[in-house]
Amino acid sequence: MTFLWTTRGRRWGYRFLRDGGLADPLPTFEDAFANMNDAENGWCEHNGAVALRFEDPEGRRDESGRPILHEFVLLPPVNISINSVDDGIAVIWPLVADEYTAIWDEPVEPQAEPRSTG
């Protein structure tokens, strides 16, 4: 499964931690989230991609006390069924949970490591 993932850490701002192998993932990310409102938790399908946004399952917050949000875009073809935020968390979070735990509290943003898959 190929996906984009953007989030922030305790002390560093939003950045792509997965770029889906795209040179510029931002247009694809923006297109996938175009029809989603600003709710903290949500999912939608758009142009064959699945956009998913949820609060950190471990309840982590940034240093200002704001909840950490994780945003994913599952790039086509999406071969799994995600019909809710809970489905998305169950499928996607285990793929990145350990990685995020290792970096979220770093004092500076992690170096980008382009990866085409989860």
C-alpha atoms as a PDB file:
ATOM      1  CA  MET A   1       0.000   0.000   0.000  1.00  0.00           C
ATOM      2  CA  THR A   2       1.369   3.381  -0.995  1.00  0.00           C
ATOM      3  CA  PHE A   3       0.445   6.429   1.036  1.00  0.00           C
ATOM      4  CA  LEU A   4       1.246   9.980   2.069  1.00  0.00           C
ATOM      5  CA  TRP A   5       1.510  10.816   5.760  1.00  0.00           C
ATOM      6  CA  THR A   6       1.745  14.229   7.329  1.00  0.00           C
ATOM      7  CA  THR A   7       1.814  15.070  11.008  1.00  0.00           C
ATOM      8  CA  ARG A   8       3.699  17.151  13.545  1.00  0.00           C
ATOM      9  CA  GLY A   9       5.660  16.356  16.654  1.00  0.00           C
ATOM     10  CA  ARG A  10       5.826  17.807  20.120  1.00  0.00           C
ATOM     11  CA  ARG A  11       8.258  20.543  19.004  1.00  0.00           C
ATOM     12  CA  TRP A  12       8.268  20.382  15.181  1.00  0.00           C
ATOM     13  CA  GLY A  13       5.593  21.456  12.732  1.00  0.00           C
ATOM     14  CA  TYR A  14       3.661  19.596  10.090  1.00  0.00           C
ATOM     15  CA  ARG A  15       5.712  17.751   7.512  1.00  0.00           C
ATOM     16  CA  PHE A  16       5.439  14.782   5.201  1.00  0.00           C
ATOM     17  CA  LEU A  17       6.841  11.665   6.806  1.00  0.00           C
ATOM     18  CA  ARG A  18       5.759   9.576   3.790  1.00  0.00           C
ATOM     19  CA  ASP A  19       5.691  11.045   0.309  1.00  0.00           C
ATOM     20  CA  GLY A  20       4.348   8.072  -1.643  1.00  0.00           C
ATOM     21  CA  GLY A  21       7.374   8.306  -3.937  1.00  0.00           C
ATOM     22  CA  LEU A  22       6.069  11.595  -5.379  1.00  0.00           C
ATOM     23  CA  ALA A  23       8.477  14.436  -6.126  1.00  0.00           C
ATOM     24  CA  ASP A  24       5.841  16.897  -4.866  1.00  0.00           C
ATOM     25  CA  PRO A  25       3.189  15.205  -2.714  1.00  0.00           C
ATOM     26  CA  LEU A  26       1.382  18.430  -1.762  1.00  0.00           C
ATOM     27  CA  PRO A  27      -0.958  18.684  -4.808  1.00  0.00           C
ATOM     28  CA  THR A  28      -2.038  15.055  -4.388  1.00  0.00           C
ATOM     29  CA  PHE A  29      -2.547  15.606  -0.669  1.00  0.00           C
ATOM     30  CA  GLU A  30      -4.600  18.764  -1.211  1.00  0.00           C
ATOM     31  CA  ASP A  31      -6.734  17.095  -3.894  1.00  0.00           C
ATOM     32  CA  ALA A  32      -7.505  14.113  -1.649  1.00  0.00           C
ATOM     33  CA  PHE A  33      -8.603  16.369   1.225  1.00  0.00           C
ATOM     34  CA  ALA A  34     -10.486  18.857  -0.988  1.00  0.00           C
ATOM     35  CA  ASN A  35     -13.907  17.533  -0.003  1.00  0.00           C
ATOM     36  CA  MET A  36     -13.210  16.955   3.677  1.00  0.00           C
ATOM     37  CA  ASN A  37     -14.227  19.542   6.222  1.00  0.00           C
ATOM     38  CA  ASP A  38     -11.845  20.733   8.928  1.00  0.00           C
ATOM     39  CA  ALA A  39     -13.010  18.159  11.486  1.00  0.00           C
ATOM     40  CA  GLU A  40     -10.224  16.660  13.554  1.00  0.00           C
ATOM     41  CA  ASN A  41     -11.318  13.148  12.609  1.00  0.00           C
ATOM     42  CA  GLY A  42     -12.619  12.167   9.207  1.00  0.00           C
ATOM     43  CA  TRP A  43     -12.221  10.126   6.048  1.00  0.00           C
ATOM     44  CA  CYS A  44     -13.366  10.404   2.471  1.00  0.00           C
ATOM     45  CA  GLU A  45     -12.753   8.909  -0.932  1.00  0.00           C
ATOM     46  CA  HIS A  46     -11.823  11.243  -3.770  1.00  0.00           C
ATOM     47  CA  ASN A  47     -10.471  10.468  -7.242  1.00  0.00           C
ATOM     48  CA  GLY A  48      -9.595   6.900  -6.242  1.00  0.00           C
ATOM     49  CA  ALA A  49      -7.652   7.933  -3.134  1.00  0.00           C
ATOM     50  CA  VAL A  50      -8.703   7.657   0.507  1.00  0.00           C
ATOM     51  CA  ALA A  51      -8.032  10.631   2.784  1.00  0.00           C
ATOM     52  CA  LEU A  52      -7.905   9.929   6.498  1.00  0.00           C
ATOM     53  CA  ARG A  53      -7.405  12.291   9.440  1.00  0.00           C
ATOM     54  CA  PHE A  54      -7.393  11.335  13.111  1.00  0.00           C
ATOM     55  CA  GLU A  55      -6.021  12.412  16.454  1.00  0.00           C
ATOM     56  CA  ASP A  56      -2.977  10.575  17.722  1.00  0.00           C
ATOM     57  CA  PRO A  57      -4.223   7.238  19.102  1.00  0.00           C
ATOM     58  CA  GLU A  58      -1.830   7.578  22.063  1.00  0.00           C
ATOM     59  CA  GLY A  59      -3.278  11.001  22.971  1.00  0.00           C
ATOM     60  CA  ARG A  60      -0.010  12.871  22.353  1.00  0.00           C
ATOM     61  CA  ARG A  61      -0.060  16.656  22.163  1.00  0.00           C
ATOM     62  CA  ASP A  62       2.361  19.300  20.980  1.00  0.00           C
ATOM     63  CA  GLU A  63       4.202  21.496  23.466  1.00  0.00           C
ATOM     64  CA  SER A  64       1.333  24.023  23.337  1.00  0.00           C
ATOM     65  CA  GLY A  65      -1.137  21.330  24.389  1.00  0.00           C
ATOM     66  CA  ARG A  66      -2.858  20.885  21.006  1.00  0.00           C
ATOM     67  CA  PRO A  67      -3.780  17.341  19.954  1.00  0.00           C
ATOM     68  CA  ILE A  68      -1.467  15.830  17.354  1.00  0.00           C
ATOM     69  CA  LEU A  69      -3.310  15.028  14.124  1.00  0.00           C
ATOM     70  CA  HIS A  70      -2.196  12.436  11.588  1.00  0.00           C
ATOM     71  CA  GLU A  71      -3.291  12.827   7.967  1.00  0.00           C
ATOM     72  CA  PHE A  72      -2.926  10.067   5.404  1.00  0.00           C
ATOM     73  CA  VAL A  73      -3.713   9.732   1.733  1.00  0.00           C
ATOM     74  CA  LEU A  74      -3.881   6.160   0.491  1.00  0.00           C
ATOM     75  CA  LEU A  75      -2.934   6.334  -3.156  1.00  0.00           C
ATOM     76  CA  PRO A  76      -4.769   4.347  -5.823  1.00  0.00           C
ATOM     77  CA  PRO A  77      -5.241   1.552  -6.227  1.00  0.00           C
ATOM     78  CA  VAL A  78      -6.556   1.204  -2.686  1.00  0.00           C
ATOM     79  CA  ASN A  79      -6.988  -2.528  -2.181  1.00  0.00           C
ATOM     80  CA  ILE A  80      -8.460  -2.391   1.308  1.00  0.00           C
ATOM     81  CA  SER A  81     -11.838  -1.325   2.585  1.00  0.00           C
ATOM     82  CA  ILE A  82     -11.873   1.740   4.791  1.00  0.00           C
ATOM     83  CA  ASN A  83     -15.373   2.927   5.598  1.00  0.00           C
ATOM     84  CA  SER A  84     -14.726   4.922   8.758  1.00  0.00           C
ATOM     85  CA  VAL A  85     -12.040   6.612  10.809  1.00  0.00           C
ATOM     86  CA  ASP A  86     -11.928   3.550  13.067  1.00  0.00           C
ATOM     87  CA  ASP A  87     -11.273   1.304  10.037  1.00  0.00           C
ATOM     88  CA  GLY A  88      -8.464   3.618   8.969  1.00  0.00           C
ATOM     89  CA  ILE A  89      -6.838   3.650  12.388  1.00  0.00           C
ATOM     90  CA  ALA A  90      -7.013  -0.143  12.608  1.00  0.00           C
ATOM     91  CA  VAL A  91      -5.358  -0.564   9.189  1.00  0.00           C
ATOM     92  CA  ILE A  92      -2.898   2.340   8.958  1.00  0.00           C
ATOM     93  CA  TRP A  93      -1.775   3.145  12.495  1.00  0.00           C
ATOM     94  CA  PRO A  94       0.027  -0.177  13.092  1.00  0.00           C
ATOM     95  CA  LEU A  95       2.145   0.549   9.994  1.00  0.00           C
ATOM     96  CA  VAL A  96       3.584   3.775  11.461  1.00  0.00           C
ATOM     97  CA  ALA A  97       3.049   3.647  15.234  1.00  0.00           C
ATOM     98  CA  ASP A  98       6.559   2.548  16.200  1.00  0.00           C
ATOM     99  CA  GLU A  99       8.197   5.017  13.833  1.00  0.00           C
ATOM    100  CA  TYR A 100       6.148   7.901  15.192  1.00  0.00           C
ATOM    101  CA  THR A 101       6.835   6.923  18.803  1.00  0.00           C
ATOM    102  CA  ALA A 102      10.555   7.108  18.043  1.00  0.00           C
ATOM    103  CA  ILE A 103      10.449  10.622  16.538  1.00  0.00           C
ATOM    104  CA  TRP A 104       7.526  12.625  17.932  1.00  0.00           C
ATOM    105  CA  ASP A 105       9.445  13.982  20.922  1.00  0.00           C
ATOM    106  CA  GLU A 106      12.588  14.932  18.988  1.00  0.00           C
ATOM    107  CA  PRO A 107      13.609  18.587  19.482  1.00  0.00           C
ATOM    108  CA  VAL A 108      13.835  19.221  15.720  1.00  0.00           C
ATOM    109  CA  GLU A 109      11.884  17.864  12.781  1.00  0.00           C
ATOM    110  CA  PRO A 110      13.076  14.529  11.494  1.00  0.00           C
ATOM    111  CA  GLN A 111      15.004  14.342   8.273  1.00  0.00           C
ATOM    112  CA  ALA A 112      12.797  13.460   5.329  1.00  0.00           C
ATOM    113  CA  GLU A 113      13.092   9.842   4.290  1.00  0.00           C
ATOM    114  CA  PRO A 114      11.119   9.418   1.078  1.00  0.00           C
ATOM    115  CA  ARG A 115       9.336   6.103   1.102  1.00  0.00           C
ATOM    116  CA  SER A 116       6.910   4.863  -1.465  1.00  0.00           C
ATOM    117  CA  THR A 117       5.098   2.380   0.766  1.00  0.00           C
ATOM    118  CA  GLY A 118       3.895   2.077   4.318  1.00  0.00           C
END
